[in-house]
Amino acid sequence: MKSPYITVAVKVARRAAQELTRAATSLDTLEVENKSANDFVTNADRAAEAVHR
């Protein structure tokens, strides 16, 4: 029997991977922002992070 936490974690990881894969196939729409010096974030990062919310 799988833990329900593992089941949820795997589902979230798969959805986040789908977001990142989608972004990788359309790099021309990738937006990059500076969070701080030498620290960057993309719209793909934000989409993947939003999956679990």
PDB file of N, CA and C in Angstrom:
ATOM      1  N   MET A   1       0.842  -1.188   0.000  1.00  0.00           N
ATOM      2  CA  MET A   1       0.000   0.000   0.000  1.00  0.00           C
ATOM      3  C   MET A   1       0.883   1.245   0.000  1.00  0.00           C
ATOM      4  N   LYS A   2       0.649   2.116  -0.970  1.00  0.00           N
ATOM      5  CA  LYS A   2       1.417   3.358  -1.071  1.00  0.00           C
ATOM      6  C   LYS A   2       0.881   4.386  -0.087  1.00  0.00           C
ATOM      7  N   SER A   3       1.785   5.190   0.399  1.00  0.00           N
ATOM      8  CA  SER A   3       1.403   6.305   1.250  1.00  0.00           C
ATOM      9  C   SER A   3       0.663   7.339   0.407  1.00  0.00           C
ATOM     10  N   PRO A   4      -0.404   7.916   0.946  1.00  0.00           N
ATOM     11  CA  PRO A   4      -1.104   8.960   0.182  1.00  0.00           C
ATOM     12  C   PRO A   4      -0.200  10.162  -0.091  1.00  0.00           C
ATOM     13  N   TYR A   5       0.768  10.404   0.788  1.00  0.00           N
ATOM     14  CA  TYR A   5       1.702  11.510   0.569  1.00  0.00           C
ATOM     15  C   TYR A   5       2.580  11.256  -0.654  1.00  0.00           C
ATOM     16  N   ILE A   6       3.008  10.008  -0.811  1.00  0.00           N
ATOM     17  CA  ILE A   6       3.828   9.649  -1.977  1.00  0.00           C
ATOM     18  C   ILE A   6       3.008   9.795  -3.247  1.00  0.00           C
ATOM     19  N   THR A   7       1.770   9.359  -3.209  1.00  0.00           N
ATOM     20  CA  THR A   7       0.890   9.452  -4.373  1.00  0.00           C
ATOM     21  C   THR A   7       0.714  10.905  -4.800  1.00  0.00           C
ATOM     22  N   VAL A   8       0.466  11.787  -3.845  1.00  0.00           N
ATOM     23  CA  VAL A   8       0.293  13.208  -4.154  1.00  0.00           C
ATOM     24  C   VAL A   8       1.602  13.799  -4.675  1.00  0.00           C
ATOM     25  N   ALA A   9       2.712  13.455  -4.041  1.00  0.00           N
ATOM     26  CA  ALA A   9       4.013  13.985  -4.465  1.00  0.00           C
ATOM     27  C   ALA A   9       4.330  13.587  -5.901  1.00  0.00           C
ATOM     28  N   VAL A  10       4.042  12.355  -6.254  1.00  0.00           N
ATOM     29  CA  VAL A  10       4.306  11.884  -7.618  1.00  0.00           C
ATOM     30  C   VAL A  10       3.414  12.615  -8.616  1.00  0.00           C
ATOM     31  N   LYS A  11       2.147  12.806  -8.284  1.00  0.00           N
ATOM     32  CA  LYS A  11       1.244  13.534  -9.188  1.00  0.00           C
ATOM     33  C   LYS A  11       1.711  14.967  -9.407  1.00  0.00           C
ATOM     34  N   VAL A  12       2.111  15.631  -8.333  1.00  0.00           N
ATOM     35  CA  VAL A  12       2.583  17.012  -8.447  1.00  0.00           C
ATOM     36  C   VAL A  12       3.865  17.074  -9.274  1.00  0.00           C
ATOM     37  N   ALA A  13       4.775  16.143  -9.030  1.00  0.00           N
ATOM     38  CA  ALA A  13       6.040  16.115  -9.783  1.00  0.00           C
ATOM     39  C   ALA A  13       5.782  15.897 -11.268  1.00  0.00           C
ATOM     40  N   ARG A  14       4.848  15.035 -11.592  1.00  0.00           N
ATOM     41  CA  ARG A  14       4.532  14.789 -13.012  1.00  0.00           C
ATOM     42  C   ARG A  14       3.932  16.029 -13.667  1.00  0.00           C
ATOM     43  N   ARG A  15       3.040  16.711 -12.957  1.00  0.00           N
ATOM     44  CA  ARG A  15       2.444  17.920 -13.536  1.00  0.00           C
ATOM     45  C   ARG A  15       3.480  19.027 -13.695  1.00  0.00           C
ATOM     46  N   ALA A  16       4.370  19.153 -12.736  1.00  0.00           N
ATOM     47  CA  ALA A  16       5.439  20.143 -12.840  1.00  0.00           C
ATOM     48  C   ALA A  16       6.353  19.814 -14.019  1.00  0.00           C
ATOM     49  N   ALA A  17       6.657  18.534 -14.203  1.00  0.00           N
ATOM     50  CA  ALA A  17       7.485  18.114 -15.333  1.00  0.00           C
ATOM     51  C   ALA A  17       6.797  18.428 -16.656  1.00  0.00           C
ATOM     52  N   GLN A  18       5.484  18.289 -16.710  1.00  0.00           N
ATOM     53  CA  GLN A  18       4.749  18.633 -17.931  1.00  0.00           C
ATOM     54  C   GLN A  18       4.901  20.127 -18.240  1.00  0.00           C
ATOM     55  N   GLU A  19       4.815  20.958 -17.209  1.00  0.00           N
ATOM     56  CA  GLU A  19       4.982  22.411 -17.409  1.00  0.00           C
ATOM     57  C   GLU A  19       6.376  22.726 -17.941  1.00  0.00           C
ATOM     58  N   LEU A  20       7.392  22.113 -17.367  1.00  0.00           N
ATOM     59  CA  LEU A  20       8.763  22.375 -17.803  1.00  0.00           C
ATOM     60  C   LEU A  20       9.032  21.823 -19.197  1.00  0.00           C
ATOM     61  N   THR A  21       8.457  20.673 -19.507  1.00  0.00           N
ATOM     62  CA  THR A  21       8.607  20.099 -20.842  1.00  0.00           C
ATOM     63  C   THR A  21       7.943  20.998 -21.882  1.00  0.00           C
ATOM     64  N   ARG A  22       6.776  21.496 -21.551  1.00  0.00           N
ATOM     65  CA  ARG A  22       6.059  22.409 -22.459  1.00  0.00           C
ATOM     66  C   ARG A  22       6.911  23.648 -22.724  1.00  0.00           C
ATOM     67  N   ALA A  23       7.527  24.199 -21.682  1.00  0.00           N
ATOM     68  CA  ALA A  23       8.372  25.380 -21.841  1.00  0.00           C
ATOM     69  C   ALA A  23       9.604  25.069 -22.682  1.00  0.00           C
ATOM     70  N   ALA A  24      10.148  23.887 -22.535  1.00  0.00           N
ATOM     71  CA  ALA A  24      11.352  23.502 -23.286  1.00  0.00           C
ATOM     72  C   ALA A  24      11.072  23.384 -24.779  1.00  0.00           C
ATOM     73  N   THR A  25       9.833  23.139 -25.143  1.00  0.00           N
ATOM     74  CA  THR A  25       9.491  23.018 -26.563  1.00  0.00           C
ATOM     75  C   THR A  25       9.142  24.363 -27.185  1.00  0.00           C
ATOM     76  N   SER A  26       9.079  25.406 -26.367  1.00  0.00           N
ATOM     77  CA  SER A  26       8.790  26.747 -26.910  1.00  0.00           C
ATOM     78  C   SER A  26       9.678  27.780 -26.217  1.00  0.00           C
ATOM     79  N   LEU A  27      10.963  27.633 -26.409  1.00  0.00           N
ATOM     80  CA  LEU A  27      11.932  28.515 -25.754  1.00  0.00           C
ATOM     81  C   LEU A  27      11.798  29.961 -26.183  1.00  0.00           C
ATOM     82  N   ASP A  28      11.202  30.210 -27.336  1.00  0.00           N
ATOM     83  CA  ASP A  28      11.036  31.588 -27.801  1.00  0.00           C
ATOM     84  C   ASP A  28      10.071  32.381 -26.918  1.00  0.00           C
ATOM     85  N   THR A  29       9.249  31.712 -26.133  1.00  0.00           N
ATOM     86  CA  THR A  29       8.319  32.405 -25.240  1.00  0.00           C
ATOM     87  C   THR A  29       8.808  32.413 -23.794  1.00  0.00           C
ATOM     88  N   LEU A  30       9.995  31.895 -23.549  1.00  0.00           N
ATOM     89  CA  LEU A  30      10.538  31.842 -22.196  1.00  0.00           C
ATOM     90  C   LEU A  30      10.915  33.240 -21.721  1.00  0.00           C
ATOM     91  N   GLU A  31      10.414  33.627 -20.576  1.00  0.00           N
ATOM     92  CA  GLU A  31      10.705  34.934 -19.987  1.00  0.00           C
ATOM     93  C   GLU A  31      11.603  34.721 -18.776  1.00  0.00           C
ATOM     94  N   VAL A  32      12.681  35.471 -18.703  1.00  0.00           N
ATOM     95  CA  VAL A  32      13.645  35.338 -17.607  1.00  0.00           C
ATOM     96  C   VAL A  32      13.677  36.637 -16.815  1.00  0.00           C
ATOM     97  N   GLU A  33      13.598  36.507 -15.491  1.00  0.00           N
ATOM     98  CA  GLU A  33      13.668  37.660 -14.600  1.00  0.00           C
ATOM     99  C   GLU A  33      14.819  37.473 -13.623  1.00  0.00           C
ATOM    100  N   ASN A  34      15.373  38.583 -13.173  1.00  0.00           N
ATOM    101  CA  ASN A  34      16.376  38.546 -12.110  1.00  0.00           C
ATOM    102  C   ASN A  34      15.656  38.553 -10.770  1.00  0.00           C
ATOM    103  N   LYS A  35      15.931  37.542  -9.941  1.00  0.00           N
ATOM    104  CA  LYS A  35      15.424  37.564  -8.573  1.00  0.00           C
ATOM    105  C   LYS A  35      16.379  38.372  -7.708  1.00  0.00           C
ATOM    106  N   SER A  36      17.657  38.151  -7.912  1.00  0.00           N
ATOM    107  CA  SER A  36      18.720  38.900  -7.244  1.00  0.00           C
ATOM    108  C   SER A  36      19.986  38.675  -8.063  1.00  0.00           C
ATOM    109  N   ALA A  37      21.101  39.165  -7.592  1.00  0.00           N
ATOM    110  CA  ALA A  37      22.352  39.024  -8.336  1.00  0.00           C
ATOM    111  C   ALA A  37      22.650  37.552  -8.602  1.00  0.00           C
ATOM    112  N   ASN A  38      22.821  37.213  -9.870  1.00  0.00           N
ATOM    113  CA  ASN A  38      23.114  35.837 -10.304  1.00  0.00           C
ATOM    114  C   ASN A  38      22.059  34.819  -9.893  1.00  0.00           C
ATOM    115  N   ASP A  39      20.837  35.269  -9.714  1.00  0.00           N
ATOM    116  CA  ASP A  39      19.730  34.371  -9.364  1.00  0.00           C
ATOM    117  C   ASP A  39      18.565  34.706 -10.283  1.00  0.00           C
ATOM    118  N   PHE A  40      18.217  33.776 -11.143  1.00  0.00           N
ATOM    119  CA  PHE A  40      17.215  34.018 -12.174  1.00  0.00           C
ATOM    120  C   PHE A  40      16.016  33.086 -11.994  1.00  0.00           C
ATOM    121  N   VAL A  41      14.880  33.524 -12.507  1.00  0.00           N
ATOM    122  CA  VAL A  41      13.671  32.719 -12.501  1.00  0.00           C
ATOM    123  C   VAL A  41      12.975  32.915 -13.842  1.00  0.00           C
ATOM    124  N   THR A  42      12.356  31.857 -14.337  1.00  0.00           N
ATOM    125  CA  THR A  42      11.625  31.942 -15.604  1.00  0.00           C
ATOM    126  C   THR A  42      10.140  31.741 -15.358  1.00  0.00           C
ATOM    127  N   ASN A  43       9.356  32.097 -16.360  1.00  0.00           N
ATOM    128  CA  ASN A  43       7.921  31.844 -16.263  1.00  0.00           C
ATOM    129  C   ASN A  43       7.655  30.333 -16.177  1.00  0.00           C
ATOM    130  N   ALA A  44       8.532  29.522 -16.725  1.00  0.00           N
ATOM    131  CA  ALA A  44       8.388  28.063 -16.619  1.00  0.00           C
ATOM    132  C   ALA A  44       8.621  27.605 -15.178  1.00  0.00           C
ATOM    133  N   ASP A  45       9.600  28.203 -14.508  1.00  0.00           N
ATOM    134  CA  ASP A  45       9.831  27.887 -13.095  1.00  0.00           C
ATOM    135  C   ASP A  45       8.595  28.206 -12.261  1.00  0.00           C
ATOM    136  N   ARG A  46       8.055  29.387 -12.499  1.00  0.00           N
ATOM    137  CA  ARG A  46       6.879  29.813 -11.732  1.00  0.00           C
ATOM    138  C   ARG A  46       5.673  28.914 -12.009  1.00  0.00           C
ATOM    139  N   ALA A  47       5.490  28.486 -13.254  1.00  0.00           N
ATOM    140  CA  ALA A  47       4.385  27.590 -13.596  1.00  0.00           C
ATOM    141  C   ALA A  47       4.547  26.234 -12.909  1.00  0.00           C
ATOM    142  N   ALA A  48       5.775  25.720 -12.889  1.00  0.00           N
ATOM    143  CA  ALA A  48       6.026  24.439 -12.237  1.00  0.00           C
ATOM    144  C   ALA A  48       5.806  24.540 -10.735  1.00  0.00           C
ATOM    145  N   GLU A  49       6.217  25.649 -10.139  1.00  0.00           N
ATOM    146  CA  GLU A  49       6.003  25.842  -8.697  1.00  0.00           C
ATOM    147  C   GLU A  49       4.526  25.992  -8.348  1.00  0.00           C
ATOM    148  N   ALA A  50       3.756  26.575  -9.231  1.00  0.00           N
ATOM    149  CA  ALA A  50       2.341  26.802  -8.975  1.00  0.00           C
ATOM    150  C   ALA A  50       1.511  25.531  -9.023  1.00  0.00           C
ATOM    151  N   VAL A  51       2.051  24.467  -9.560  1.00  0.00           N
ATOM    152  CA  VAL A  51       1.304  23.213  -9.697  1.00  0.00           C
ATOM    153  C   VAL A  51       0.831  22.693  -8.341  1.00  0.00           C
ATOM    154  N   HIS A  52       1.644  22.815  -7.340  1.00  0.00           N
ATOM    155  CA  HIS A  52       1.295  22.250  -6.036  1.00  0.00           C
ATOM    156  C   HIS A  52       0.344  23.114  -5.216  1.00  0.00           C
ATOM    157  N   ARG A  53       0.011  24.277  -5.696  1.00  0.00           N
ATOM    158  CA  ARG A  53      -0.885  25.168  -4.925  1.00  0.00           C
ATOM    159  C   ARG A  53      -2.311  24.981  -5.280  1.00  0.00           C
TER     160      ARG A  53
END
